[in-house]
Amino acid sequence: MQRRHLVVGGLAVATLPPFAFAQGIEKPKVTIAVGGKNLLYYLPLTIAEQLGYFKAEGLDVTIADFAGGSRALAAVVGGSADVVSGAFEHTVNMQFKGQPMRAFVLQGLAPQIVLGINPKTMAGYKGIADLKGKKIGVTAPGSSTNVMVNFVLAKAGLKPSDVSIVGVGAGSGAVAAMRSGQIDAMSNLDPVVTLLQRSGDMKIISDTRIVAESEKVFGGPMPAGCLYAPQPFLDKNPNTAQALTNAMVRANKWIQTAGAGDIIKVVPEGFLLGDRAVYIDAFMAAKGALSPDGSFPAKGADTAFRALASVDEKLAAAKLDLNAVYTNAFVQKANAKYPKG
């Protein structure tokens, strides 16, 4: 049977997802760039995808996975992706660089980033000062894992140039780098952290999976994983952004009521790094740091700015509009639509 096409203004729309017209979605096909999709940091994104929440909102979402958040951001800046699933503080940095980005739904209440040393190469470790001259692994240079390293170093009186930063990714490559002694310390996330900790290949020295410790480290609430996009994208596609937010809020709420067994059934097998028990432990460690409803804390942008300013004198001197780096408008509507997820 010949396929019929509906053409509006010269645009063939036969392949658009269901409900796209009813909801007035401007851009049904959306590409989201993420730096380390397997990480629990981005669990809400995976849940929204795997449980069909994006499709339920009339979206056809493609998720492009990169080695770190800085590379995911580069994909959006370069035009190969529309939205970033990444660390909140990038929105502050991008405003400083004159490329306004705005976060519109939160995934993490705390960064969930763990800084740990390699017991093999740093057996005599006593404090942060001992990291001077050492090789520190991060997911990717310039990513949120790198930002945390810089911030912790600054609090101890060290500069970013006092260490060597090595990009190791967020999966098996990071594990191998630590176990082989290629790096002396690492800033990474679960499930990588839990796997290395359980095998005795990592000794934790700072753990922001614990919300209280994160606020102690950063001096206030530090928003973590979120969806953010260039301001022009949000201006042109408000209904699309709302649909994305609806899906993410549903995912956030599903996670809060889910048990470890539920999570294991939903996430792809490859995310488990070959050990389901480790992934379960990692989920339990990270669950408290995930957002229950997608809302950004009022002081979060200020905390992110202070963290970045501590290692960047030019940014510290800048006068930024921190209210412009996030919005809770979409989240409020999503929670009204899905009060129970």
Protein backbone atom coordinates (compact mmCIF):
# COMPACT_ATOMS: atom_id res chain seq x y z
CA MET A 1 0.00 0.00 0.00
CA GLN A 2 1.34 3.39 -0.96
CA ARG A 3 2.39 5.46 2.04
CA ARG A 4 0.47 8.70 2.35
CA HIS A 5 2.30 11.88 3.37
CA LEU A 6 0.83 14.96 4.95
CA VAL A 7 2.66 18.04 3.72
CA VAL A 8 2.42 21.38 5.50
CA GLY A 9 4.39 24.28 4.06
CA GLY A 10 6.51 21.86 2.05
CA LEU A 11 7.51 19.80 5.11
CA ALA A 12 6.80 16.07 5.02
CA VAL A 13 5.58 15.04 8.46
CA ALA A 14 4.44 11.48 8.03
CA THR A 15 7.17 10.15 10.27
CA LEU A 16 6.60 12.47 13.24
CA PRO A 17 5.96 10.82 16.62
CA PRO A 18 2.39 10.43 17.93
CA PHE A 19 0.82 13.38 19.75
CA ALA A 20 3.31 15.86 18.23
CA PHE A 21 0.60 17.99 16.66
CA ALA A 22 -1.79 17.81 19.61
CA GLN A 23 0.85 19.20 21.93
CA GLY A 24 2.12 21.78 19.45
CA ILE A 25 5.67 20.48 19.69
CA GLU A 26 7.92 22.59 17.52
CA LYS A 27 10.78 20.10 17.21
CA PRO A 28 9.64 16.49 17.72
CA LYS A 29 13.07 15.10 16.81
CA VAL A 30 15.60 16.09 19.46
CA THR A 31 19.21 15.05 19.96
CA ILE A 32 20.51 15.08 23.54
CA ALA A 33 24.27 14.99 24.07
CA VAL A 34 25.49 13.36 27.28
CA GLY A 35 28.96 12.71 28.70
CA GLY A 36 28.89 9.17 30.10
CA LYS A 37 25.34 7.89 29.71
CA ASN A 38 26.06 4.81 31.85
CA LEU A 39 26.71 6.91 34.94
CA LEU A 40 24.15 7.06 37.74
CA TYR A 41 24.60 10.83 37.48
CA TYR A 42 22.43 10.57 34.36
CA LEU A 43 20.11 7.79 35.52
CA PRO A 44 16.93 9.90 35.05
CA LEU A 45 17.83 10.37 31.37
CA THR A 46 18.16 6.61 30.89
CA ILE A 47 14.92 5.92 32.76
CA ALA A 48 13.01 8.46 30.65
CA GLU A 49 14.36 6.80 27.51
CA GLN A 50 13.92 3.17 28.56
CA LEU A 51 10.42 3.56 30.02
CA GLY A 52 9.19 5.46 26.96
CA TYR A 53 8.52 8.76 28.70
CA PHE A 54 9.96 10.81 25.84
CA LYS A 55 7.81 8.96 23.32
CA ALA A 56 4.75 9.46 25.52
CA GLU A 57 5.32 13.21 25.22
CA GLY A 58 5.46 13.03 21.42
CA LEU A 59 9.23 13.17 21.14
CA ASP A 60 11.66 11.18 19.04
CA VAL A 61 14.83 11.53 21.13
CA THR A 62 18.30 10.47 20.05
CA ILE A 63 20.92 10.32 22.82
CA ALA A 64 24.50 10.88 21.68
CA ASP A 65 27.02 9.63 24.24
CA PHE A 66 30.44 11.24 24.71
CA ALA A 67 33.44 10.61 26.98
CA GLY A 68 32.69 13.61 29.22
CA GLY A 69 30.45 16.59 29.79
CA SER A 70 32.74 19.07 28.06
CA ARG A 71 32.52 17.05 24.85
CA ALA A 72 28.74 16.82 25.10
CA LEU A 73 28.62 20.59 25.45
CA ALA A 74 30.88 20.96 22.42
CA ALA A 75 28.38 18.92 20.38
CA VAL A 76 25.60 21.40 21.14
CA VAL A 77 27.84 24.41 20.53
CA GLY A 78 28.87 22.83 17.22
CA GLY A 79 25.26 22.20 16.22
CA SER A 80 25.26 18.39 16.10
CA ALA A 81 22.97 18.16 19.17
CA ASP A 82 20.14 20.29 20.55
CA VAL A 83 20.28 19.78 24.30
CA VAL A 84 22.93 18.76 26.82
CA SER A 85 22.39 16.34 29.65
CA GLY A 86 25.28 17.59 31.72
CA ALA A 87 26.59 19.41 34.75
CA PHE A 88 24.80 22.57 35.84
CA GLU A 89 27.94 24.68 36.25
CA HIS A 90 28.52 24.67 32.49
CA THR A 91 25.62 27.14 32.19
CA VAL A 92 27.56 29.63 34.33
CA ASN A 93 30.71 29.17 32.29
CA MET A 94 28.86 29.59 29.02
CA GLN A 95 27.23 32.86 30.09
CA PHE A 96 30.70 34.12 30.98
CA LYS A 97 31.83 33.14 27.47
CA GLY A 98 28.93 35.02 25.87
CA GLN A 99 27.03 31.91 24.78
CA PRO A 100 23.96 31.85 27.05
CA MET A 101 22.71 28.43 28.07
CA ARG A 102 19.85 27.74 30.46
CA ALA A 103 19.17 24.66 32.56
CA PHE A 104 15.50 23.68 32.63
CA VAL A 105 15.16 20.41 34.57
CA LEU A 106 17.40 18.98 37.28
CA GLN A 107 18.57 15.38 37.59
CA GLY A 108 20.94 15.61 40.56
CA LEU A 109 20.71 17.44 43.90
CA ALA A 110 24.43 16.90 44.41
CA PRO A 111 27.31 16.21 42.00
CA GLN A 112 27.80 12.55 43.06
CA ILE A 113 31.44 13.01 42.09
CA VAL A 114 33.95 11.13 44.20
CA LEU A 115 37.62 12.02 44.48
CA GLY A 116 39.82 9.14 45.52
CA ILE A 117 43.47 8.22 45.55
CA ASN A 118 45.19 5.13 44.17
CA PRO A 119 46.37 3.01 47.14
CA LYS A 120 49.09 1.48 44.97
CA THR A 121 50.81 4.71 43.94
CA MET A 122 49.90 6.84 46.96
CA ALA A 123 50.26 4.48 49.90
CA GLY A 124 51.61 7.28 52.09
CA TYR A 125 48.81 9.76 51.33
CA LYS A 126 48.07 12.15 54.21
CA GLY A 127 46.21 15.09 52.66
CA ILE A 128 45.26 17.04 49.52
CA ALA A 129 48.71 18.66 49.42
CA ASP A 130 50.15 15.24 48.56
CA LEU A 131 48.41 15.44 45.16
CA LYS A 132 50.88 18.07 43.96
CA GLY A 133 52.72 16.76 40.91
CA LYS A 134 50.44 13.74 40.58
CA LYS A 135 48.31 12.45 37.69
CA ILE A 136 44.59 12.78 38.34
CA GLY A 137 42.05 11.05 36.12
CA VAL A 138 38.79 12.78 35.18
CA THR A 139 36.05 11.80 32.76
CA ALA A 140 37.26 14.46 30.33
CA PRO A 141 39.33 17.62 30.75
CA GLY A 142 37.02 20.57 31.46
CA SER A 143 34.17 18.34 32.65
CA SER A 144 32.45 18.59 36.04
CA THR A 145 34.82 15.95 37.41
CA ASN A 146 37.69 18.27 36.48
CA VAL A 147 35.92 21.24 38.09
CA MET A 148 35.63 19.37 41.38
CA VAL A 149 39.34 18.52 41.33
CA ASN A 150 40.20 22.18 40.77
CA PHE A 151 37.91 23.28 43.58
CA VAL A 152 39.27 20.78 46.11
CA LEU A 153 42.82 21.69 45.15
CA ALA A 154 42.08 25.41 45.54
CA LYS A 155 40.76 24.89 49.07
CA ALA A 156 44.12 23.28 49.89
CA GLY A 157 46.10 26.12 48.33
CA LEU A 158 46.99 24.30 45.11
CA LYS A 159 46.50 25.47 41.52
CA PRO A 160 45.15 23.38 38.63
CA SER A 161 48.64 23.52 37.12
CA ASP A 162 50.06 21.76 40.18
CA VAL A 163 48.68 18.44 38.91
CA SER A 164 48.40 16.61 35.59
CA ILE A 165 44.82 16.03 34.44
CA VAL A 166 44.19 12.87 32.40
CA GLY A 167 40.95 12.08 30.60
CA VAL A 168 39.96 8.47 31.35
CA GLY A 169 36.27 8.39 30.47
CA ALA A 170 33.45 7.08 32.64
CA GLY A 171 33.60 3.33 32.15
CA SER A 172 36.01 0.43 31.80
CA GLY A 173 38.80 2.74 30.67
CA ALA A 174 38.66 4.63 33.96
CA VAL A 175 38.75 1.37 35.91
CA ALA A 176 41.74 0.11 33.93
CA ALA A 177 43.64 3.40 34.35
CA MET A 178 43.30 3.23 38.11
CA ARG A 179 44.10 -0.47 38.47
CA SER A 180 47.15 -0.27 36.23
CA GLY A 181 48.60 2.67 38.12
CA GLN A 182 48.47 5.03 35.15
CA ILE A 183 46.92 7.64 37.44
CA ASP A 184 47.51 8.48 41.11
CA ALA A 185 44.02 9.71 41.88
CA MET A 186 40.68 9.97 40.13
CA SER A 187 37.56 12.10 40.14
CA ASN A 188 34.70 10.02 38.77
CA LEU A 189 31.20 8.74 39.41
CA ASP A 190 29.20 5.58 39.98
CA PRO A 191 29.21 2.78 39.08
CA VAL A 192 32.96 3.24 38.42
CA VAL A 193 33.64 4.47 41.96
CA THR A 194 31.82 1.67 43.75
CA LEU A 195 33.49 -0.95 41.56
CA LEU A 196 36.99 0.38 42.37
CA GLN A 197 36.20 0.89 46.03
CA ARG A 198 34.95 -2.65 46.46
CA SER A 199 38.04 -4.09 44.80
CA GLY A 200 40.36 -2.00 46.96
CA ASP A 201 41.68 0.02 44.03
CA MET A 202 40.43 3.39 45.26
CA LYS A 203 40.46 5.16 48.62
CA ILE A 204 37.84 7.89 48.83
CA ILE A 205 38.91 11.31 50.11
CA SER A 206 35.87 13.40 49.09
CA ASP A 207 32.37 12.07 48.39
CA THR A 208 29.64 14.33 47.02
CA ARG A 209 27.17 11.48 46.64
CA ILE A 210 26.21 12.50 50.16
CA VAL A 211 24.19 15.72 49.90
CA ALA A 212 25.38 17.03 53.27
CA GLU A 213 29.04 16.45 52.34
CA SER A 214 28.51 18.07 48.96
CA GLU A 215 27.15 21.20 50.62
CA LYS A 216 30.11 21.15 53.01
CA VAL A 217 32.59 20.86 50.13
CA PHE A 218 30.99 23.55 47.98
CA GLY A 219 29.55 25.76 50.71
CA GLY A 220 25.93 25.43 49.62
CA PRO A 221 23.56 23.46 47.38
CA MET A 222 25.38 22.41 44.22
CA PRO A 223 23.01 21.39 41.39
CA ALA A 224 24.45 18.59 39.33
CA GLY A 225 23.16 16.74 36.27
CA CYS A 226 20.44 18.58 34.36
CA LEU A 227 19.12 19.25 30.90
CA TYR A 228 20.30 22.57 29.52
CA ALA A 229 20.18 24.18 26.12
CA PRO A 230 21.12 27.39 24.30
CA GLN A 231 18.67 30.14 25.22
CA PRO A 232 17.60 30.55 21.55
CA PHE A 233 16.55 26.87 21.48
CA LEU A 234 14.28 27.39 24.50
CA ASP A 235 12.88 30.60 23.04
CA LYS A 236 12.02 28.92 19.74
CA ASN A 237 10.89 25.57 21.15
CA PRO A 238 9.11 26.08 24.49
CA ASN A 239 6.69 23.20 23.95
CA THR A 240 9.54 20.88 23.06
CA ALA A 241 11.39 21.90 26.22
CA GLN A 242 8.21 21.31 28.21
CA ALA A 243 7.82 17.83 26.76
CA LEU A 244 11.43 17.00 27.63
CA THR A 245 10.87 18.30 31.16
CA ASN A 246 7.67 16.29 31.59
CA ALA A 247 9.53 13.10 30.71
CA MET A 248 12.43 13.86 33.03
CA VAL A 249 10.21 14.75 35.98
CA ARG A 250 8.35 11.47 35.55
CA ALA A 251 11.71 9.67 35.53
CA ASN A 252 12.88 11.49 38.66
CA LYS A 253 9.74 10.49 40.52
CA TRP A 254 9.87 6.89 39.30
CA ILE A 255 13.42 6.54 40.62
CA GLN A 256 12.41 7.78 44.07
CA THR A 257 9.90 4.94 44.45
CA ALA A 258 11.99 2.28 42.69
CA GLY A 259 13.99 -0.43 44.36
CA ALA A 260 17.38 -1.64 43.20
CA GLY A 261 15.74 -4.62 41.48
CA ASP A 262 13.51 -2.29 39.47
CA ILE A 263 16.52 -0.28 38.30
CA ILE A 264 18.43 -3.40 37.23
CA LYS A 265 15.52 -4.49 35.05
CA VAL A 266 15.40 -1.15 33.22
CA VAL A 267 18.99 -0.04 32.61
CA PRO A 268 20.92 -1.61 29.71
CA GLU A 269 23.08 -4.58 30.61
CA GLY A 270 26.22 -2.77 29.50
CA PHE A 271 25.76 -0.16 32.24
CA LEU A 272 26.38 -2.77 34.94
CA LEU A 273 30.12 -3.13 34.19
CA GLY A 274 29.76 -6.89 34.49
CA ASP A 275 28.68 -6.83 38.16
CA ARG A 276 25.04 -6.36 39.12
CA ALA A 277 25.82 -6.33 42.84
CA VAL A 278 28.19 -3.41 42.34
CA TYR A 279 25.59 -1.50 40.36
CA ILE A 280 22.98 -2.07 43.06
CA ASP A 281 25.38 -0.78 45.73
CA ALA A 282 26.18 2.20 43.53
CA PHE A 283 22.50 3.00 43.03
CA MET A 284 21.83 2.88 46.75
CA ALA A 285 24.80 5.19 47.36
CA ALA A 286 23.68 7.68 44.71
CA LYS A 287 19.89 7.61 45.13
CA GLY A 288 19.82 10.29 47.84
CA ALA A 289 21.69 12.69 45.57
CA LEU A 290 19.15 12.45 42.74
CA SER A 291 16.46 15.09 42.38
CA PRO A 292 12.98 14.05 43.54
CA ASP A 293 11.12 16.48 41.30
CA GLY A 294 13.49 18.26 38.89
CA SER A 295 13.51 21.61 40.71
CA PHE A 296 16.62 23.78 41.00
CA PRO A 297 17.52 25.08 44.48
CA ALA A 298 17.34 28.87 44.79
CA LYS A 299 20.99 29.26 45.85
CA GLY A 300 22.38 26.66 43.46
CA ALA A 301 23.61 29.08 40.82
CA ASP A 302 25.47 31.10 43.46
CA THR A 303 27.23 27.96 44.71
CA ALA A 304 28.23 26.95 41.18
CA PHE A 305 29.58 30.43 40.51
CA ARG A 306 31.71 30.39 43.67
CA ALA A 307 33.13 26.98 42.77
CA LEU A 308 34.15 28.15 39.30
CA ALA A 309 35.36 31.54 40.51
CA SER A 310 37.72 29.90 43.00
CA VAL A 311 39.95 28.76 40.13
CA ASP A 312 39.24 31.43 37.50
CA GLU A 313 40.11 35.03 38.39
CA LYS A 314 38.52 36.45 35.24
CA LEU A 315 35.22 34.70 35.90
CA ALA A 316 35.36 35.76 39.55
CA ALA A 317 35.53 39.39 38.46
CA ALA A 318 32.66 39.06 35.99
CA LYS A 319 29.18 40.33 36.70
CA LEU A 320 26.83 37.57 35.60
CA ASP A 321 23.05 37.26 35.72
CA LEU A 322 22.80 33.99 37.60
CA ASN A 323 19.01 33.99 37.37
CA ALA A 324 19.43 33.55 33.63
CA VAL A 325 21.30 30.22 33.85
CA TYR A 326 18.28 28.21 35.02
CA THR A 327 14.51 28.22 35.16
CA ASN A 328 11.96 26.25 37.18
CA ALA A 329 9.06 27.32 34.94
CA PHE A 330 8.98 24.09 32.93
CA VAL A 331 9.43 21.96 36.05
CA GLN A 332 6.51 23.60 37.81
CA LYS A 333 4.20 22.75 34.90
CA ALA A 334 5.56 19.19 34.71
CA ASN A 335 4.92 18.59 38.40
CA ALA A 336 1.40 19.93 38.03
CA LYS A 337 0.79 17.50 35.17
CA TYR A 338 2.44 14.53 36.90
CA PRO A 339 2.06 15.08 40.66
CA LYS A 340 2.77 11.38 41.31
CA GLY A 341 5.06 10.69 38.37
